[in-house]
Amino acid sequence: MNRRWSGLRRPALLLAWIVLLAACFAQVEIQIEGPNGWASALPTWRVHGHWLLDLFWGGRPLTGYHAWVFSFMALVFHLPCVLAGPYSWRLETRCLGSLMIFWILEDFLWFAWNPAYGVARLAPAFVPWHRHWVLGLPTDYYTFLTVGGVLLWSSFRAAPDDVGAAP
């Protein structure tokens, strides 16, 4: 097998898996939230207007639904850390990068597949819970895709002691 393809197989498989997870979870959230994005019609607690929400949550309210869903998905994405044996920063970097890319893909697919929205309604006029936009998309998309991509890329880079090692 071509050495280059051999080196790209694992990252490609991981990205395909992330897309599959995001697609499934987007459908789950569409079924739960329907046309009421950001859990606006769910019977859950909410925290509004705290400065930490601006810093870490994009200005969106923190809901009980999202606090538990985000925690659950963080644990799911860190399951390899538990199963793989010894913890490593490389594995942590891969988990965090995967999680960041997952959330952006899931959010985009929620809009694309939600009958109440579609990609055409992924816009500030229809999506008040995304408060910050650049070039027609929420700024979270750019931030998370960039940081998540860098984390994933760095997790697959050969460490100095890996150079010349058998694949």
N, C-alpha and C. Protein backbone atom coordinates (compact mmCIF):
# COMPACT_ATOMS: atom_id res chain seq x y z
N MET A 1 0.84 -1.18 0.00
CA MET A 1 0.00 0.00 0.00
C MET A 1 0.89 1.24 0.00
N ASN A 2 0.44 2.25 -0.69
CA ASN A 2 1.16 3.51 -0.75
C ASN A 2 1.40 4.05 0.65
N ARG A 3 2.63 4.45 0.95
CA ARG A 3 2.99 4.92 2.30
C ARG A 3 2.20 6.17 2.68
N ARG A 4 1.99 7.06 1.70
CA ARG A 4 1.24 8.29 2.00
C ARG A 4 -0.20 7.96 2.39
N TRP A 5 -0.86 7.09 1.62
CA TRP A 5 -2.24 6.71 1.94
C TRP A 5 -2.29 6.02 3.30
N SER A 6 -1.30 5.20 3.58
CA SER A 6 -1.25 4.52 4.86
C SER A 6 -1.24 5.52 6.01
N GLY A 7 -0.51 6.63 5.84
CA GLY A 7 -0.46 7.66 6.87
C GLY A 7 -1.72 8.48 6.97
N LEU A 8 -2.54 8.52 5.91
CA LEU A 8 -3.78 9.29 5.91
C LEU A 8 -5.00 8.46 6.30
N ARG A 9 -4.85 7.17 6.33
CA ARG A 9 -5.99 6.28 6.58
C ARG A 9 -6.64 6.54 7.94
N ARG A 10 -5.86 6.61 9.00
CA ARG A 10 -6.43 6.82 10.34
C ARG A 10 -7.09 8.19 10.48
N PRO A 11 -6.43 9.28 10.05
CA PRO A 11 -7.12 10.58 10.14
C PRO A 11 -8.40 10.61 9.30
N ALA A 12 -8.37 10.01 8.11
CA ALA A 12 -9.56 9.99 7.26
C ALA A 12 -10.68 9.20 7.92
N LEU A 13 -10.35 8.06 8.50
CA LEU A 13 -11.34 7.25 9.20
C LEU A 13 -11.92 8.02 10.39
N LEU A 14 -11.06 8.69 11.14
CA LEU A 14 -11.53 9.48 12.28
C LEU A 14 -12.48 10.59 11.83
N LEU A 15 -12.12 11.31 10.77
CA LEU A 15 -12.99 12.39 10.28
C LEU A 15 -14.32 11.83 9.79
N ALA A 16 -14.30 10.69 9.11
CA ALA A 16 -15.56 10.06 8.67
C ALA A 16 -16.42 9.68 9.87
N TRP A 17 -15.79 9.17 10.92
CA TRP A 17 -16.51 8.79 12.13
C TRP A 17 -17.13 10.01 12.81
N ILE A 18 -16.38 11.11 12.85
CA ILE A 18 -16.90 12.35 13.43
C ILE A 18 -18.11 12.84 12.65
N VAL A 19 -18.04 12.78 11.32
CA VAL A 19 -19.18 13.18 10.49
C VAL A 19 -20.39 12.30 10.78
N LEU A 20 -20.17 10.99 10.90
CA LEU A 20 -21.27 10.07 11.20
C LEU A 20 -21.89 10.38 12.57
N LEU A 21 -21.05 10.60 13.58
CA LEU A 21 -21.56 10.95 14.91
C LEU A 21 -22.35 12.27 14.87
N ALA A 22 -21.81 13.26 14.18
CA ALA A 22 -22.48 14.56 14.07
C ALA A 22 -23.82 14.42 13.37
N ALA A 23 -23.87 13.61 12.32
CA ALA A 23 -25.12 13.41 11.59
C ALA A 23 -26.17 12.76 12.48
N CYS A 24 -25.79 11.73 13.20
CA CYS A 24 -26.74 11.05 14.10
C CYS A 24 -27.21 11.99 15.21
N PHE A 25 -26.28 12.72 15.80
CA PHE A 25 -26.66 13.58 16.92
C PHE A 25 -27.47 14.78 16.45
N ALA A 26 -27.21 15.28 15.25
CA ALA A 26 -28.03 16.36 14.70
C ALA A 26 -29.48 15.90 14.59
N GLN A 27 -29.67 14.66 14.14
CA GLN A 27 -31.04 14.14 14.03
C GLN A 27 -31.68 14.00 15.41
N VAL A 28 -30.92 13.56 16.40
CA VAL A 28 -31.45 13.46 17.76
C VAL A 28 -31.92 14.83 18.23
N GLU A 29 -31.07 15.85 18.04
CA GLU A 29 -31.45 17.20 18.50
C GLU A 29 -32.62 17.78 17.72
N ILE A 30 -32.72 17.47 16.44
CA ILE A 30 -33.88 17.92 15.67
C ILE A 30 -35.15 17.31 16.26
N GLN A 31 -35.09 16.04 16.63
CA GLN A 31 -36.26 15.38 17.22
C GLN A 31 -36.61 15.97 18.58
N ILE A 32 -35.59 16.35 19.35
CA ILE A 32 -35.83 16.89 20.69
C ILE A 32 -36.28 18.35 20.64
N GLU A 33 -35.58 19.18 19.87
CA GLU A 33 -35.84 20.62 19.87
C GLU A 33 -36.86 21.06 18.83
N GLY A 34 -36.97 20.31 17.74
CA GLY A 34 -37.85 20.72 16.66
C GLY A 34 -37.45 22.09 16.14
N PRO A 35 -38.41 23.00 15.95
CA PRO A 35 -38.09 24.32 15.42
C PRO A 35 -37.56 25.29 16.47
N ASN A 36 -37.50 24.85 17.72
CA ASN A 36 -37.13 25.73 18.83
C ASN A 36 -35.68 25.53 19.23
N GLY A 37 -34.80 26.17 18.47
CA GLY A 37 -33.37 26.02 18.68
C GLY A 37 -32.91 26.48 20.04
N TRP A 38 -31.76 26.00 20.41
CA TRP A 38 -31.09 26.27 21.68
C TRP A 38 -32.01 25.99 22.86
N ALA A 39 -32.77 24.91 22.74
CA ALA A 39 -33.63 24.40 23.82
C ALA A 39 -34.61 25.45 24.33
N SER A 40 -35.00 26.37 23.44
CA SER A 40 -35.85 27.50 23.88
C SER A 40 -37.22 27.07 24.37
N ALA A 41 -37.72 25.91 23.95
CA ALA A 41 -39.04 25.47 24.41
C ALA A 41 -38.95 24.26 25.34
N LEU A 42 -37.75 23.86 25.72
CA LEU A 42 -37.61 22.70 26.60
C LEU A 42 -37.77 23.12 28.06
N PRO A 43 -38.32 22.23 28.87
CA PRO A 43 -38.47 22.54 30.30
C PRO A 43 -37.15 22.33 31.05
N THR A 44 -36.28 23.29 30.96
CA THR A 44 -34.95 23.18 31.54
C THR A 44 -34.56 24.51 32.17
N TRP A 45 -33.62 24.48 33.10
CA TRP A 45 -33.17 25.72 33.71
C TRP A 45 -32.29 26.48 32.74
N ARG A 46 -32.16 27.79 32.98
CA ARG A 46 -31.36 28.67 32.13
C ARG A 46 -30.61 29.69 32.96
N VAL A 47 -29.39 29.99 32.54
CA VAL A 47 -28.61 31.08 33.13
C VAL A 47 -28.37 32.08 32.02
N HIS A 48 -28.78 33.33 32.24
CA HIS A 48 -28.64 34.39 31.23
C HIS A 48 -27.68 35.47 31.73
N GLY A 49 -27.03 36.13 30.80
CA GLY A 49 -26.36 37.39 31.06
C GLY A 49 -25.15 37.39 31.97
N HIS A 50 -24.53 36.28 32.20
CA HIS A 50 -23.32 36.26 33.01
C HIS A 50 -22.11 36.47 32.10
N TRP A 51 -21.11 37.21 32.57
CA TRP A 51 -19.95 37.53 31.73
C TRP A 51 -19.19 36.27 31.30
N LEU A 52 -19.21 35.22 32.10
CA LEU A 52 -18.55 33.98 31.71
C LEU A 52 -19.24 33.33 30.50
N LEU A 53 -20.55 33.56 30.36
CA LEU A 53 -21.26 33.04 29.19
C LEU A 53 -20.77 33.72 27.92
N ASP A 54 -20.47 35.01 28.01
CA ASP A 54 -19.90 35.72 26.85
C ASP A 54 -18.54 35.15 26.49
N LEU A 55 -17.77 34.84 27.49
CA LEU A 55 -16.40 34.37 27.28
C LEU A 55 -16.36 32.92 26.76
N PHE A 56 -17.14 32.03 27.37
CA PHE A 56 -17.05 30.60 27.05
C PHE A 56 -18.21 30.02 26.27
N TRP A 57 -19.31 30.73 26.17
CA TRP A 57 -20.52 30.14 25.60
C TRP A 57 -21.05 30.96 24.42
N GLY A 58 -20.24 31.89 23.93
CA GLY A 58 -20.64 32.70 22.78
C GLY A 58 -21.80 33.64 23.07
N GLY A 59 -22.02 33.96 24.34
CA GLY A 59 -23.13 34.85 24.71
C GLY A 59 -24.48 34.17 24.82
N ARG A 60 -24.51 32.88 24.52
CA ARG A 60 -25.78 32.14 24.61
C ARG A 60 -26.09 31.83 26.06
N PRO A 61 -27.36 31.68 26.39
CA PRO A 61 -27.69 31.24 27.75
C PRO A 61 -27.22 29.81 27.97
N LEU A 62 -26.84 29.50 29.17
CA LEU A 62 -26.51 28.13 29.54
C LEU A 62 -27.82 27.47 29.97
N THR A 63 -28.16 26.36 29.34
CA THR A 63 -29.36 25.63 29.71
C THR A 63 -28.96 24.32 30.38
N GLY A 64 -29.83 23.79 31.19
CA GLY A 64 -29.58 22.48 31.79
C GLY A 64 -29.41 21.42 30.72
N TYR A 65 -30.22 21.52 29.68
CA TYR A 65 -30.12 20.58 28.56
C TYR A 65 -28.72 20.59 27.97
N HIS A 66 -28.22 21.78 27.64
CA HIS A 66 -26.91 21.87 27.01
C HIS A 66 -25.77 21.54 27.97
N ALA A 67 -25.91 21.88 29.22
CA ALA A 67 -24.86 21.55 30.19
C ALA A 67 -24.69 20.03 30.25
N TRP A 68 -25.79 19.29 30.28
CA TRP A 68 -25.70 17.84 30.36
C TRP A 68 -25.30 17.22 29.03
N VAL A 69 -25.81 17.73 27.91
CA VAL A 69 -25.46 17.19 26.60
C VAL A 69 -23.98 17.42 26.30
N PHE A 70 -23.49 18.63 26.58
CA PHE A 70 -22.07 18.91 26.32
C PHE A 70 -21.18 18.05 27.22
N SER A 71 -21.57 17.89 28.47
CA SER A 71 -20.79 17.05 29.38
C SER A 71 -20.78 15.60 28.91
N PHE A 72 -21.95 15.10 28.50
CA PHE A 72 -22.05 13.73 28.02
C PHE A 72 -21.17 13.51 26.80
N MET A 73 -21.23 14.42 25.83
CA MET A 73 -20.43 14.25 24.61
C MET A 73 -18.94 14.37 24.90
N ALA A 74 -18.56 15.23 25.84
CA ALA A 74 -17.14 15.32 26.23
C ALA A 74 -16.67 13.99 26.81
N LEU A 75 -17.51 13.37 27.61
CA LEU A 75 -17.16 12.06 28.17
C LEU A 75 -17.10 10.99 27.07
N VAL A 76 -18.03 11.03 26.13
CA VAL A 76 -18.02 10.07 25.03
C VAL A 76 -16.73 10.20 24.22
N PHE A 77 -16.35 11.42 23.90
CA PHE A 77 -15.15 11.62 23.10
C PHE A 77 -13.87 11.31 23.88
N HIS A 78 -13.95 11.29 25.19
CA HIS A 78 -12.78 10.93 26.00
C HIS A 78 -12.74 9.44 26.37
N LEU A 79 -13.72 8.67 25.93
CA LEU A 79 -13.71 7.24 26.19
C LEU A 79 -12.42 6.57 25.71
N PRO A 80 -11.86 6.96 24.55
CA PRO A 80 -10.58 6.34 24.16
C PRO A 80 -9.47 6.54 25.19
N CYS A 81 -9.51 7.64 25.94
CA CYS A 81 -8.50 7.85 26.99
C CYS A 81 -8.60 6.78 28.06
N VAL A 82 -9.82 6.33 28.33
CA VAL A 82 -10.03 5.30 29.35
C VAL A 82 -9.68 3.93 28.78
N LEU A 83 -10.06 3.69 27.53
CA LEU A 83 -9.87 2.37 26.93
C LEU A 83 -8.44 2.12 26.44
N ALA A 84 -7.74 3.17 26.05
CA ALA A 84 -6.44 3.01 25.40
C ALA A 84 -5.31 2.68 26.36
N GLY A 85 -5.53 2.86 27.62
CA GLY A 85 -4.44 2.59 28.55
C GLY A 85 -3.82 3.88 29.04
N PRO A 86 -2.50 4.00 28.95
CA PRO A 86 -1.84 5.19 29.50
C PRO A 86 -2.32 6.47 28.80
N TYR A 87 -2.58 7.45 29.61
CA TYR A 87 -3.01 8.76 29.12
C TYR A 87 -1.84 9.43 28.41
N SER A 88 -2.15 10.15 27.34
CA SER A 88 -1.11 10.93 26.66
C SER A 88 -1.72 12.24 26.19
N TRP A 89 -0.87 13.24 26.08
CA TRP A 89 -1.32 14.53 25.57
C TRP A 89 -1.74 14.41 24.12
N ARG A 90 -1.10 13.52 23.38
CA ARG A 90 -1.47 13.32 21.97
C ARG A 90 -2.91 12.81 21.87
N LEU A 91 -3.28 11.87 22.71
CA LEU A 91 -4.64 11.35 22.72
C LEU A 91 -5.63 12.43 23.19
N GLU A 92 -5.26 13.19 24.20
CA GLU A 92 -6.12 14.27 24.68
C GLU A 92 -6.34 15.31 23.58
N THR A 93 -5.29 15.65 22.87
CA THR A 93 -5.38 16.61 21.77
C THR A 93 -6.33 16.09 20.70
N ARG A 94 -6.22 14.81 20.39
CA ARG A 94 -7.09 14.21 19.39
C ARG A 94 -8.54 14.20 19.84
N CYS A 95 -8.78 13.90 21.11
CA CYS A 95 -10.15 13.90 21.65
C CYS A 95 -10.76 15.30 21.59
N LEU A 96 -10.02 16.30 22.04
CA LEU A 96 -10.53 17.67 22.04
C LEU A 96 -10.76 18.21 20.63
N GLY A 97 -9.82 17.95 19.73
CA GLY A 97 -9.99 18.38 18.34
C GLY A 97 -11.20 17.72 17.70
N SER A 98 -11.37 16.43 17.95
CA SER A 98 -12.53 15.70 17.41
C SER A 98 -13.82 16.26 17.96
N LEU A 99 -13.85 16.55 19.24
CA LEU A 99 -15.06 17.08 19.87
C LEU A 99 -15.41 18.45 19.30
N MET A 100 -14.43 19.30 19.09
CA MET A 100 -14.70 20.63 18.54
C MET A 100 -15.26 20.55 17.13
N ILE A 101 -14.67 19.71 16.31
CA ILE A 101 -15.16 19.56 14.93
C ILE A 101 -16.55 18.92 14.94
N PHE A 102 -16.76 17.96 15.81
CA PHE A 102 -18.08 17.33 15.95
C PHE A 102 -19.16 18.38 16.19
N TRP A 103 -18.94 19.30 17.17
CA TRP A 103 -19.99 20.26 17.52
C TRP A 103 -20.32 21.19 16.38
N ILE A 104 -19.34 21.60 15.60
CA ILE A 104 -19.61 22.49 14.47
C ILE A 104 -20.37 21.75 13.39
N LEU A 105 -19.93 20.55 13.06
CA LEU A 105 -20.65 19.75 12.06
C LEU A 105 -22.08 19.46 12.52
N GLU A 106 -22.23 19.09 13.78
CA GLU A 106 -23.57 18.78 14.31
C GLU A 106 -24.46 20.01 14.23
N ASP A 107 -23.95 21.17 14.60
CA ASP A 107 -24.74 22.39 14.56
C ASP A 107 -25.16 22.73 13.13
N PHE A 108 -24.20 22.66 12.21
CA PHE A 108 -24.52 22.95 10.81
C PHE A 108 -25.56 21.97 10.27
N LEU A 109 -25.39 20.69 10.56
CA LEU A 109 -26.36 19.69 10.07
C LEU A 109 -27.72 19.87 10.71
N TRP A 110 -27.77 20.36 11.96
CA TRP A 110 -29.05 20.66 12.60
C TRP A 110 -29.82 21.67 11.75
N PHE A 111 -29.13 22.69 11.30
CA PHE A 111 -29.78 23.69 10.45
C PHE A 111 -30.12 23.12 9.08
N ALA A 112 -29.18 22.41 8.47
CA ALA A 112 -29.37 21.89 7.12
C ALA A 112 -30.56 20.93 7.04
N TRP A 113 -30.72 20.09 8.06
CA TRP A 113 -31.75 19.05 8.03
C TRP A 113 -33.03 19.39 8.77
N ASN A 114 -33.02 20.42 9.56
CA ASN A 114 -34.21 20.77 10.33
C ASN A 114 -35.24 21.38 9.39
N PRO A 115 -36.43 20.76 9.29
CA PRO A 115 -37.45 21.27 8.36
C PRO A 115 -37.86 22.73 8.65
N ALA A 116 -37.67 23.19 9.87
CA ALA A 116 -38.03 24.56 10.21
C ALA A 116 -36.95 25.57 9.79
N TYR A 117 -35.79 25.10 9.37
CA TYR A 117 -34.69 26.02 9.03
C TYR A 117 -34.17 25.80 7.63
N GLY A 118 -33.28 24.86 7.45
CA GLY A 118 -32.55 24.74 6.19
C GLY A 118 -31.38 25.70 6.20
N VAL A 119 -30.44 25.49 5.28
CA VAL A 119 -29.24 26.31 5.22
C VAL A 119 -29.59 27.77 4.95
N ALA A 120 -30.63 28.03 4.20
CA ALA A 120 -31.01 29.42 3.88
C ALA A 120 -31.37 30.21 5.13
N ARG A 121 -31.85 29.55 6.16
CA ARG A 121 -32.22 30.26 7.39
C ARG A 121 -31.12 30.22 8.46
N LEU A 122 -29.94 29.77 8.07
CA LEU A 122 -28.79 29.87 8.96
C LEU A 122 -28.25 31.29 8.80
N ALA A 123 -28.94 32.21 9.47
CA ALA A 123 -28.64 33.64 9.34
C ALA A 123 -29.04 34.35 10.62
N PRO A 124 -28.40 35.46 10.94
CA PRO A 124 -28.68 36.17 12.20
C PRO A 124 -30.16 36.51 12.40
N ALA A 125 -30.88 36.79 11.33
CA ALA A 125 -32.29 37.15 11.46
C ALA A 125 -33.14 35.99 12.00
N PHE A 126 -32.71 34.76 11.79
CA PHE A 126 -33.48 33.59 12.19
C PHE A 126 -32.88 32.83 13.36
N VAL A 127 -31.65 33.16 13.74
CA VAL A 127 -30.92 32.38 14.74
C VAL A 127 -30.38 33.31 15.83
N PRO A 128 -31.25 33.74 16.75
CA PRO A 128 -30.80 34.70 17.76
C PRO A 128 -29.82 34.12 18.79
N TRP A 129 -29.76 32.81 18.93
CA TRP A 129 -28.85 32.25 19.94
C TRP A 129 -27.39 32.27 19.49
N HIS A 130 -27.13 32.38 18.20
CA HIS A 130 -25.76 32.62 17.72
C HIS A 130 -25.64 34.15 17.62
N ARG A 131 -24.89 34.73 18.52
CA ARG A 131 -24.85 36.20 18.60
C ARG A 131 -23.78 36.84 17.75
N HIS A 132 -22.74 36.12 17.42
CA HIS A 132 -21.60 36.69 16.71
C HIS A 132 -21.44 35.99 15.35
N TRP A 133 -21.43 36.80 14.28
CA TRP A 133 -21.38 36.26 12.92
C TRP A 133 -20.27 36.92 12.12
N VAL A 134 -19.66 36.15 11.21
CA VAL A 134 -18.67 36.67 10.27
C VAL A 134 -18.88 35.95 8.94
N LEU A 135 -18.95 36.70 7.88
CA LEU A 135 -19.10 36.14 6.53
C LEU A 135 -20.25 35.14 6.44
N GLY A 136 -21.36 35.46 7.09
CA GLY A 136 -22.56 34.65 6.98
C GLY A 136 -22.62 33.41 7.84
N LEU A 137 -21.64 33.21 8.72
CA LEU A 137 -21.66 32.04 9.61
C LEU A 137 -21.34 32.47 11.03
N PRO A 138 -21.83 31.70 12.01
CA PRO A 138 -21.46 32.01 13.39
C PRO A 138 -19.95 31.94 13.58
N THR A 139 -19.42 32.84 14.38
CA THR A 139 -17.96 32.87 14.60
C THR A 139 -17.47 31.57 15.24
N ASP A 140 -18.34 30.90 16.00
CA ASP A 140 -17.95 29.61 16.59
C ASP A 140 -17.48 28.64 15.51
N TYR A 141 -18.10 28.67 14.34
CA TYR A 141 -17.72 27.75 13.28
C TYR A 141 -16.25 27.93 12.91
N TYR A 142 -15.84 29.16 12.71
CA TYR A 142 -14.45 29.44 12.33
C TYR A 142 -13.49 29.08 13.47
N THR A 143 -13.85 29.48 14.68
CA THR A 143 -12.97 29.24 15.83
C THR A 143 -12.80 27.75 16.08
N PHE A 144 -13.91 27.03 16.18
CA PHE A 144 -13.84 25.61 16.51
C PHE A 144 -13.22 24.79 15.38
N LEU A 145 -13.55 25.12 14.12
CA LEU A 145 -12.93 24.37 13.02
C LEU A 145 -11.43 24.61 12.96
N THR A 146 -11.01 25.85 13.20
CA THR A 146 -9.57 26.15 13.17
C THR A 146 -8.85 25.48 14.32
N VAL A 147 -9.31 25.72 15.55
CA VAL A 147 -8.64 25.15 16.71
C VAL A 147 -8.74 23.62 16.69
N GLY A 148 -9.93 23.10 16.38
CA GLY A 148 -10.09 21.65 16.31
C GLY A 148 -9.22 21.03 15.23
N GLY A 149 -9.13 21.68 14.07
CA GLY A 149 -8.28 21.19 12.99
C GLY A 149 -6.81 21.18 13.38
N VAL A 150 -6.36 22.25 14.03
CA VAL A 150 -4.96 22.31 14.47
C VAL A 150 -4.69 21.22 15.51
N LEU A 151 -5.62 21.03 16.44
CA LEU A 151 -5.44 19.98 17.45
C LEU A 151 -5.35 18.60 16.80
N LEU A 152 -6.27 18.33 15.87
CA LEU A 152 -6.23 17.03 15.19
C LEU A 152 -4.95 16.86 14.39
N TRP A 153 -4.60 17.87 13.62
CA TRP A 153 -3.38 17.81 12.81
C TRP A 153 -2.17 17.53 13.70
N SER A 154 -2.07 18.26 14.80
CA SER A 154 -0.91 18.07 15.67
C SER A 154 -0.92 16.69 16.34
N SER A 155 -2.11 16.13 16.56
CA SER A 155 -2.17 14.81 17.19
C SER A 155 -1.71 13.70 16.25
N PHE A 156 -1.76 13.95 14.94
CA PHE A 156 -1.33 12.95 13.97
C PHE A 156 0.08 13.17 13.46
N ARG A 157 0.68 14.30 13.80
CA ARG A 157 2.06 14.56 13.38
C ARG A 157 2.99 13.55 14.04
N ALA A 158 4.00 13.17 13.33
CA ALA A 158 4.98 12.23 13.88
C ALA A 158 5.78 12.92 14.97
N ALA A 159 5.88 12.28 16.11
CA ALA A 159 6.74 12.78 17.18
C ALA A 159 8.19 12.55 16.76
N PRO A 160 9.13 13.35 17.30
CA PRO A 160 10.54 13.17 16.92
C PRO A 160 11.03 11.74 17.07
N ASP A 161 10.54 11.02 18.09
CA ASP A 161 11.00 9.63 18.28
C ASP A 161 10.26 8.65 17.36
N ASP A 162 9.21 9.12 16.64
CA ASP A 162 8.48 8.26 15.70
C ASP A 162 9.10 8.26 14.31
N VAL A 163 9.94 9.23 14.02
CA VAL A 163 10.51 9.36 12.69
C VAL A 163 11.37 8.13 12.40
N GLY A 164 11.08 7.49 11.29
CA GLY A 164 11.83 6.30 10.91
C GLY A 164 11.29 5.02 11.53
N ALA A 165 10.31 5.13 12.44
CA ALA A 165 9.73 3.93 13.06
C ALA A 165 8.82 3.23 12.06
N ALA A 166 8.63 1.97 12.24
CA ALA A 166 7.72 1.22 11.37
C ALA A 166 6.30 1.68 11.61
N PRO A 167 5.46 1.73 10.53
CA PRO A 167 4.07 2.20 10.67
C PRO A 167 3.22 1.25 11.47
